[in-house]
């Protein structure tokens, strides 16, 4: 699980790098800025889940469970 906004690189950049090494790695992208990236674009990049902030513990647990259940 990564955030879109991070120092030095975006969560999308991180996802691209990780997926080049491990294409099977499940990635969840979290953001508070819907204008920066869309769910469709994230999924086209291989990101399994795209979630908007704010997230509570229950939302976080549910999205992680969905990703893990796909495997």
PDB file of N, CA and C in Angstrom:
ATOM      1  N   UNK A   1       0.862  -1.166   0.000  1.00  0.00           N
ATOM      2  CA  UNK A   1       0.000   0.000   0.000  1.00  0.00           C
ATOM      3  C   UNK A   1       0.907   1.226   0.000  1.00  0.00           C
ATOM      4  N   UNK A   2       0.632   2.133  -0.916  1.00  0.00           N
ATOM      5  CA  UNK A   2       1.435   3.340  -1.031  1.00  0.00           C
ATOM      6  C   UNK A   2       0.532   4.551  -1.235  1.00  0.00           C
ATOM      7  N   UNK A   3       1.049   5.678  -0.889  1.00  0.00           N
ATOM      8  CA  UNK A   3       0.346   6.936  -1.105  1.00  0.00           C
ATOM      9  C   UNK A   3       0.801   7.509  -2.446  1.00  0.00           C
ATOM     10  N   UNK A   4      -0.057   8.270  -3.090  1.00  0.00           N
ATOM     11  CA  UNK A   4       0.332   8.910  -4.342  1.00  0.00           C
ATOM     12  C   UNK A   4       1.419   9.953  -4.099  1.00  0.00           C
ATOM     13  N   UNK A   5       1.275  10.761  -3.065  1.00  0.00           N
ATOM     14  CA  UNK A   5       2.205  11.853  -2.803  1.00  0.00           C
ATOM     15  C   UNK A   5       3.248  11.429  -1.778  1.00  0.00           C
ATOM     16  N   UNK A   6       4.494  11.369  -2.232  1.00  0.00           N
ATOM     17  CA  UNK A   6       5.616  11.019  -1.359  1.00  0.00           C
ATOM     18  C   UNK A   6       6.817  11.862  -1.777  1.00  0.00           C
ATOM     19  N   UNK A   7       7.806  11.962  -0.897  1.00  0.00           N
ATOM     20  CA  UNK A   7       9.027  12.678  -1.299  1.00  0.00           C
ATOM     21  C   UNK A   7       9.794  11.874  -2.356  1.00  0.00           C
ATOM     22  N   UNK A   8      10.420  12.524  -3.274  1.00  0.00           N
ATOM     23  CA  UNK A   8      11.300  11.941  -4.282  1.00  0.00           C
ATOM     24  C   UNK A   8      10.588  11.231  -5.434  1.00  0.00           C
ATOM     25  N   UNK A   9       9.441  10.608  -5.195  1.00  0.00           N
ATOM     26  CA  UNK A   9       8.709   9.933  -6.276  1.00  0.00           C
ATOM     27  C   UNK A   9       7.250   9.783  -5.876  1.00  0.00           C
ATOM     28  N   UNK A  10       6.407   9.586  -6.860  1.00  0.00           N
ATOM     29  CA  UNK A  10       4.992   9.372  -6.555  1.00  0.00           C
ATOM     30  C   UNK A  10       4.739   7.891  -6.298  1.00  0.00           C
ATOM     31  N   UNK A  11       3.599   7.592  -5.740  1.00  0.00           N
ATOM     32  CA  UNK A  11       3.198   6.201  -5.551  1.00  0.00           C
ATOM     33  C   UNK A  11       3.077   5.470  -6.877  1.00  0.00           C
ATOM     34  N   UNK A  12       2.709   6.192  -7.934  1.00  0.00           N
ATOM     35  CA  UNK A  12       2.631   5.594  -9.271  1.00  0.00           C
ATOM     36  C   UNK A  12       4.027   5.209  -9.748  1.00  0.00           C
ATOM     37  N   UNK A  13       4.995   6.091  -9.529  1.00  0.00           N
ATOM     38  CA  UNK A  13       6.378   5.773  -9.904  1.00  0.00           C
ATOM     39  C   UNK A  13       6.882   4.561  -9.128  1.00  0.00           C
ATOM     40  N   UNK A  14       6.577   4.524  -7.845  1.00  0.00           N
ATOM     41  CA  UNK A  14       6.967   3.378  -7.022  1.00  0.00           C
ATOM     42  C   UNK A  14       6.316   2.102  -7.548  1.00  0.00           C
ATOM     43  N   UNK A  15       5.036   2.164  -7.857  1.00  0.00           N
ATOM     44  CA  UNK A  15       4.329   0.992  -8.379  1.00  0.00           C
ATOM     45  C   UNK A  15       4.977   0.501  -9.672  1.00  0.00           C
ATOM     46  N   UNK A  16       5.302   1.410 -10.560  1.00  0.00           N
ATOM     47  CA  UNK A  16       5.958   1.017 -11.825  1.00  0.00           C
ATOM     48  C   UNK A  16       7.271   0.286 -11.553  1.00  0.00           C
ATOM     49  N   UNK A  17       8.081   0.850 -10.651  1.00  0.00           N
ATOM     50  CA  UNK A  17       9.378   0.239 -10.323  1.00  0.00           C
ATOM     51  C   UNK A  17       9.202  -1.153  -9.712  1.00  0.00           C
ATOM     52  N   UNK A  18       8.283  -1.265  -8.770  1.00  0.00           N
ATOM     53  CA  UNK A  18       8.042  -2.549  -8.107  1.00  0.00           C
ATOM     54  C   UNK A  18       7.532  -3.576  -9.114  1.00  0.00           C
ATOM     55  N   UNK A  19       6.586  -3.182  -9.954  1.00  0.00           N
ATOM     56  CA  UNK A  19       5.995  -4.126 -10.906  1.00  0.00           C
ATOM     57  C   UNK A  19       6.979  -4.566 -11.983  1.00  0.00           C
ATOM     58  N   UNK A  20       8.014  -3.771 -12.247  1.00  0.00           N
ATOM     59  CA  UNK A  20       9.060  -4.212 -13.177  1.00  0.00           C
ATOM     60  C   UNK A  20       9.858  -5.363 -12.567  1.00  0.00           C
ATOM     61  N   UNK A  21      10.017  -5.321 -11.243  1.00  0.00           N
ATOM     62  CA  UNK A  21      10.783  -6.359 -10.548  1.00  0.00           C
ATOM     63  C   UNK A  21       9.895  -7.547 -10.198  1.00  0.00           C
ATOM     64  N   UNK A  22       8.693  -7.245  -9.705  1.00  0.00           N
ATOM     65  CA  UNK A  22       7.750  -8.275  -9.259  1.00  0.00           C
ATOM     66  C   UNK A  22       6.374  -7.988  -9.838  1.00  0.00           C
ATOM     67  N   UNK A  23       6.107  -8.455 -11.059  1.00  0.00           N
ATOM     68  CA  UNK A  23       4.829  -8.154 -11.702  1.00  0.00           C
ATOM     69  C   UNK A  23       3.611  -8.695 -10.949  1.00  0.00           C
ATOM     70  N   UNK A  24       3.828  -9.635 -10.064  1.00  0.00           N
ATOM     71  CA  UNK A  24       2.724 -10.226  -9.304  1.00  0.00           C
ATOM     72  C   UNK A  24       2.471  -9.528  -7.965  1.00  0.00           C
ATOM     73  N   UNK A  25       3.236  -8.488  -7.683  1.00  0.00           N
ATOM     74  CA  UNK A  25       3.100  -7.791  -6.404  1.00  0.00           C
ATOM     75  C   UNK A  25       1.782  -7.028  -6.354  1.00  0.00           C
ATOM     76  N   UNK A  26       0.933  -7.321  -5.373  1.00  0.00           N
ATOM     77  CA  UNK A  26      -0.323  -6.569  -5.262  1.00  0.00           C
ATOM     78  C   UNK A  26      -0.056  -5.173  -4.707  1.00  0.00           C
ATOM     79  N   UNK A  27      -0.573  -4.166  -5.392  1.00  0.00           N
ATOM     80  CA  UNK A  27      -0.335  -2.782  -4.980  1.00  0.00           C
ATOM     81  C   UNK A  27      -1.668  -2.068  -4.800  1.00  0.00           C
ATOM     82  N   UNK A  28      -1.744  -1.333  -3.703  1.00  0.00           N
ATOM     83  CA  UNK A  28      -2.892  -0.488  -3.398  1.00  0.00           C
ATOM     84  C   UNK A  28      -2.377   0.946  -3.397  1.00  0.00           C
ATOM     85  N   UNK A  29      -3.020   1.803  -4.174  1.00  0.00           N
ATOM     86  CA  UNK A  29      -2.640   3.218  -4.229  1.00  0.00           C
ATOM     87  C   UNK A  29      -3.694   4.038  -3.505  1.00  0.00           C
ATOM     88  N   UNK A  30      -3.237   4.859  -2.599  1.00  0.00           N
ATOM     89  CA  UNK A  30      -4.104   5.703  -1.791  1.00  0.00           C
ATOM     90  C   UNK A  30      -3.794   7.165  -2.122  1.00  0.00           C
ATOM     91  N   UNK A  31      -4.832   7.985  -2.259  1.00  0.00           N
ATOM     92  CA  UNK A  31      -4.599   9.397  -2.545  1.00  0.00           C
ATOM     93  C   UNK A  31      -5.735  10.261  -2.007  1.00  0.00           C
ATOM     94  N   UNK A  32      -5.434  11.489  -1.788  1.00  0.00           N
ATOM     95  CA  UNK A  32      -6.440  12.468  -1.419  1.00  0.00           C
ATOM     96  C   UNK A  32      -6.685  13.448  -2.552  1.00  0.00           C
ATOM     97  N   UNK A  33      -6.003  13.229  -3.684  1.00  0.00           N
ATOM     98  CA  UNK A  33      -6.074  14.137  -4.823  1.00  0.00           C
ATOM     99  C   UNK A  33      -6.595  13.415  -6.054  1.00  0.00           C
ATOM    100  N   UNK A  34      -7.899  13.388  -6.225  1.00  0.00           N
ATOM    101  CA  UNK A  34      -8.492  12.650  -7.340  1.00  0.00           C
ATOM    102  C   UNK A  34      -8.135  13.244  -8.697  1.00  0.00           C
ATOM    103  N   UNK A  35      -7.757  14.518  -8.734  1.00  0.00           N
ATOM    104  CA  UNK A  35      -7.411  15.116 -10.016  1.00  0.00           C
ATOM    105  C   UNK A  35      -6.016  14.706 -10.495  1.00  0.00           C
ATOM    106  N   UNK A  36      -5.220  14.106  -9.633  1.00  0.00           N
ATOM    107  CA  UNK A  36      -3.865  13.700  -9.999  1.00  0.00           C
ATOM    108  C   UNK A  36      -3.835  12.375 -10.775  1.00  0.00           C
ATOM    109  N   UNK A  37      -4.707  11.448 -10.408  1.00  0.00           N
ATOM    110  CA  UNK A  37      -4.763  10.134 -11.054  1.00  0.00           C
ATOM    111  C   UNK A  37      -6.162   9.571 -10.867  1.00  0.00           C
ATOM    112  N   UNK A  38      -6.601   8.818 -11.852  1.00  0.00           N
ATOM    113  CA  UNK A  38      -7.926   8.201 -11.767  1.00  0.00           C
ATOM    114  C   UNK A  38      -7.791   6.714 -11.455  1.00  0.00           C
ATOM    115  N   UNK A  39      -8.874   6.138 -11.015  1.00  0.00           N
ATOM    116  CA  UNK A  39      -8.887   4.697 -10.750  1.00  0.00           C
ATOM    117  C   UNK A  39      -8.575   3.922 -12.033  1.00  0.00           C
ATOM    118  N   UNK A  40      -9.118   4.361 -13.143  1.00  0.00           N
ATOM    119  CA  UNK A  40      -8.892   3.674 -14.416  1.00  0.00           C
ATOM    120  C   UNK A  40      -7.408   3.700 -14.804  1.00  0.00           C
ATOM    121  N   UNK A  41      -6.768   4.843 -14.641  1.00  0.00           N
ATOM    122  CA  UNK A  41      -5.349   4.959 -14.982  1.00  0.00           C
ATOM    123  C   UNK A  41      -4.503   4.088 -14.046  1.00  0.00           C
ATOM    124  N   UNK A  42      -4.837   4.110 -12.765  1.00  0.00           N
ATOM    125  CA  UNK A  42      -4.095   3.296 -11.796  1.00  0.00           C
ATOM    126  C   UNK A  42      -4.202   1.818 -12.150  1.00  0.00           C
ATOM    127  N   UNK A  43      -5.396   1.363 -12.430  1.00  0.00           N
ATOM    128  CA  UNK A  43      -5.589  -0.059 -12.762  1.00  0.00           C
ATOM    129  C   UNK A  43      -4.910  -0.424 -14.073  1.00  0.00           C
ATOM    130  N   UNK A  44      -4.885   0.492 -15.031  1.00  0.00           N
ATOM    131  CA  UNK A  44      -4.198   0.241 -16.296  1.00  0.00           C
ATOM    132  C   UNK A  44      -2.692   0.057 -16.085  1.00  0.00           C
ATOM    133  N   UNK A  45      -2.166   0.657 -15.022  1.00  0.00           N
ATOM    134  CA  UNK A  45      -0.741   0.520 -14.696  1.00  0.00           C
ATOM    135  C   UNK A  45      -0.433  -0.766 -13.942  1.00  0.00           C
ATOM    136  N   UNK A  46      -1.467  -1.508 -13.547  1.00  0.00           N
ATOM    137  CA  UNK A  46      -1.263  -2.750 -12.807  1.00  0.00           C
ATOM    138  C   UNK A  46      -1.523  -2.628 -11.319  1.00  0.00           C
ATOM    139  N   UNK A  47      -1.970  -1.466 -10.882  1.00  0.00           N
ATOM    140  CA  UNK A  47      -2.317  -1.251  -9.476  1.00  0.00           C
ATOM    141  C   UNK A  47      -3.672  -1.914  -9.231  1.00  0.00           C
ATOM    142  N   UNK A  48      -3.750  -2.784  -8.239  1.00  0.00           N
ATOM    143  CA  UNK A  48      -4.971  -3.569  -8.034  1.00  0.00           C
ATOM    144  C   UNK A  48      -6.114  -2.789  -7.413  1.00  0.00           C
ATOM    145  N   UNK A  49      -5.806  -1.895  -6.486  1.00  0.00           N
ATOM    146  CA  UNK A  49      -6.861  -1.116  -5.825  1.00  0.00           C
ATOM    147  C   UNK A  49      -6.449   0.343  -5.761  1.00  0.00           C
ATOM    148  N   UNK A  50      -7.428   1.201  -5.917  1.00  0.00           N
ATOM    149  CA  UNK A  50      -7.254   2.653  -5.857  1.00  0.00           C
ATOM    150  C   UNK A  50      -8.250   3.160  -4.822  1.00  0.00           C
ATOM    151  N   UNK A  51      -7.758   3.787  -3.777  1.00  0.00           N
ATOM    152  CA  UNK A  51      -8.642   4.264  -2.715  1.00  0.00           C
ATOM    153  C   UNK A  51      -8.387   5.731  -2.415  1.00  0.00           C
ATOM    154  N   UNK A  52      -9.464   6.420  -2.090  1.00  0.00           N
ATOM    155  CA  UNK A  52      -9.390   7.839  -1.756  1.00  0.00           C
ATOM    156  C   UNK A  52      -9.343   8.018  -0.237  1.00  0.00           C
ATOM    157  N   UNK A  53      -8.543   8.991   0.185  1.00  0.00           N
ATOM    158  CA  UNK A  53      -8.509   9.365   1.592  1.00  0.00           C
ATOM    159  C   UNK A  53      -9.652  10.321   1.875  1.00  0.00           C
ATOM    160  N   UNK A  54     -10.078  10.407   3.085  1.00  0.00           N
ATOM    161  CA  UNK A  54      -9.568   9.704   4.262  1.00  0.00           C
ATOM    162  C   UNK A  54     -10.104   8.272   4.329  1.00  0.00           C
ATOM    163  N   UNK A  55      -9.293   7.403   4.896  1.00  0.00           N
ATOM    164  CA  UNK A  55      -9.655   6.002   5.116  1.00  0.00           C
ATOM    165  C   UNK A  55      -9.695   5.741   6.609  1.00  0.00           C
ATOM    166  N   UNK A  56     -10.648   4.958   7.027  1.00  0.00           N
ATOM    167  CA  UNK A  56     -10.629   4.521   8.421  1.00  0.00           C
ATOM    168  C   UNK A  56     -10.088   3.093   8.470  1.00  0.00           C
ATOM    169  N   UNK A  57      -9.933   2.552   9.648  1.00  0.00           N
ATOM    170  CA  UNK A  57      -9.353   1.211   9.784  1.00  0.00           C
ATOM    171  C   UNK A  57     -10.172   0.147   9.068  1.00  0.00           C
ATOM    172  N   UNK A  58     -11.486   0.258   9.149  1.00  0.00           N
ATOM    173  CA  UNK A  58     -12.352  -0.721   8.513  1.00  0.00           C
ATOM    174  C   UNK A  58     -12.187  -0.692   6.988  1.00  0.00           C
ATOM    175  N   UNK A  59     -12.175   0.508   6.404  1.00  0.00           N
ATOM    176  CA  UNK A  59     -11.973   0.642   4.952  1.00  0.00           C
ATOM    177  C   UNK A  59     -10.626   0.055   4.538  1.00  0.00           C
ATOM    178  N   UNK A  60      -9.602   0.368   5.305  1.00  0.00           N
ATOM    179  CA  UNK A  60      -8.260  -0.126   5.006  1.00  0.00           C
ATOM    180  C   UNK A  60      -8.225  -1.645   5.064  1.00  0.00           C
ATOM    181  N   UNK A  61      -8.806  -2.216   6.102  1.00  0.00           N
ATOM    182  CA  UNK A  61      -8.838  -3.677   6.243  1.00  0.00           C
ATOM    183  C   UNK A  61      -9.590  -4.319   5.082  1.00  0.00           C
ATOM    184  N   UNK A  62     -10.702  -3.722   4.668  1.00  0.00           N
ATOM    185  CA  UNK A  62     -11.493  -4.295   3.576  1.00  0.00           C
ATOM    186  C   UNK A  62     -10.735  -4.281   2.252  1.00  0.00           C
ATOM    187  N   UNK A  63     -10.058  -3.199   1.952  1.00  0.00           N
ATOM    188  CA  UNK A  63      -9.325  -3.131   0.689  1.00  0.00           C
ATOM    189  C   UNK A  63      -8.145  -4.096   0.697  1.00  0.00           C
ATOM    190  N   UNK A  64      -7.461  -4.218   1.805  1.00  0.00           N
ATOM    191  CA  UNK A  64      -6.353  -5.176   1.906  1.00  0.00           C
ATOM    192  C   UNK A  64      -6.882  -6.598   1.754  1.00  0.00           C
ATOM    193  N   UNK A  65      -7.989  -6.899   2.378  1.00  0.00           N
ATOM    194  CA  UNK A  65      -8.591  -8.236   2.273  1.00  0.00           C
ATOM    195  C   UNK A  65      -8.957  -8.553   0.822  1.00  0.00           C
ATOM    196  N   UNK A  66      -9.556  -7.582   0.107  1.00  0.00           N
ATOM    197  CA  UNK A  66      -9.919  -7.796  -1.304  1.00  0.00           C
ATOM    198  C   UNK A  66      -8.695  -8.134  -2.142  1.00  0.00           C
ATOM    199  N   UNK A  67      -7.609  -7.396  -1.924  1.00  0.00           N
ATOM    200  CA  UNK A  67      -6.388  -7.629  -2.690  1.00  0.00           C
ATOM    201  C   UNK A  67      -5.808  -8.998  -2.358  1.00  0.00           C
ATOM    202  N   UNK A  68      -5.758  -9.335  -1.099  1.00  0.00           N
ATOM    203  CA  UNK A  68      -5.193 -10.630  -0.721  1.00  0.00           C
ATOM    204  C   UNK A  68      -6.048 -11.791  -1.212  1.00  0.00           C
ATOM    205  N   UNK A  69      -7.359 -11.617  -1.259  1.00  0.00           N
ATOM    206  CA  UNK A  69      -8.236 -12.678  -1.716  1.00  0.00           C
ATOM    207  C   UNK A  69      -8.124 -12.941  -3.214  1.00  0.00           C
ATOM    208  N   UNK A  70      -7.594 -12.006  -3.968  1.00  0.00           N
ATOM    209  CA  UNK A  70      -7.414 -12.201  -5.412  1.00  0.00           C
ATOM    210  C   UNK A  70      -6.309 -13.190  -5.728  1.00  0.00           C
ATOM    211  N   UNK A  71      -5.432 -13.419  -4.790  1.00  0.00           N
ATOM    212  CA  UNK A  71      -4.272 -14.279  -5.038  1.00  0.00           C
ATOM    213  C   UNK A  71      -4.600 -15.706  -4.971  1.00  0.00           C
TER     214      UNK A  71
END
